[in-house]
Amino acid sequence: MKIDFAVGGQAVIEGVMMRSPHFYTVAVRDEEGEIKMKQEKFTSLTERFRILKLPLLRGIVHLVESMSIGFKSLNYSNDVFLGEDEKEEVKHGMAKTFLFAAFSALYLIGTLAFTLFLLKVLPLWIAEKAAEFLPIVEENYILFNLIDGASKIVIFLSYIILISLLKDIRRVFQYHGAEHKSIWAYEKGLELNVENARKQTRFHPRCGTSFIFIVILMSIVIYTVFPPADTFLLKLGQRLAVIPLIAGISYEALKFSAKHQQNILVRAFSAPGLMIQGLTTREPDDKQLEIALHSLKESLKVEKDLVL
């Protein structure tokens, strides 16, 4: 019996996380070259509460859940990478749980604050300064928001280019490429082996990189719909308030574009996001493809067992 369902993934430290509808699997290669694996069942809130399956709402839920799973996957890969002793982990389980919860909260707060500063506060400040020096920007709110959006793109690309200079990040980008190639092999119905995965493109229209670019485009449109506020803080408050709406619309746009790549207009819409993936993915080696395929096959196995 052939079972067809969507899969997604994320590159982690020396490994790949693959997510099927009801499970996620993290496969990581340790210092000895062995593949370590963590697998957990996951039931989305959209499955528990049908109202959350509605367009826009499901995008917000998916984003939050993806962030949660992604953080857990990164933490596991970091443990394997550092060679953390499993016996010590059990022995100090409660202490670690408390410390991990505290660290997670601080990490998430810090990450969100940094992201908001780079992609909300700083671009808006640049647009405000442009409006001070150029009357045409002050008088044209569409132009104001275009400058805000262009600033986000420049900042985002600059950040990606800077972190790609780090050797460890370049390896993560290789695993990102391995994730995409493996998913393409699955979606084309090919046997999941290194040879077939190697032939696939490392660019995928459903990638999180493309999602970020769509978010920036949607933010320009949505910000322009709302009447301009009088002060910097009020404008910032408006932009923060509509983040869930932008995320929901962007998710629907990403899903639509991934399903209709045969349409020339949709391909044109997806092209910038795919181009940016040239920075966030690298060609993987066979061992990296092996890790991605291992994670994917294990996720597919338990998913099919659940259905059957």
Foldseek 3Di string as FASTA:
>chain_A
DDDDFAKDWAFAQQFIWIDTQFKIKIWHQAPVRDIDMDMDTHHFVCNVDVVCVDFLSVLLSVVVVCVVVVVVNNVVNVCRHVVPDPVVCVVCVVVCVVVVVVVVVVVVVVVVVVCCCQLQVVLLVVLVVVVVVDVVSVVDVLNSLVSSLVSSVVSVLVVLVVVCVDPSQVQSQALLLLLQLQSVCVVVVHDRALVSSLPDGSFALLDPLLLVNQLSVLLSVVLVVDDDDDDSVVSSVVSVVCSSSSSSVSNVLSVVLRVPVVDPVSVVSSVVSRVSSVSSHDNHDSSSNVRSSVRVVVNVVVVVVVVD
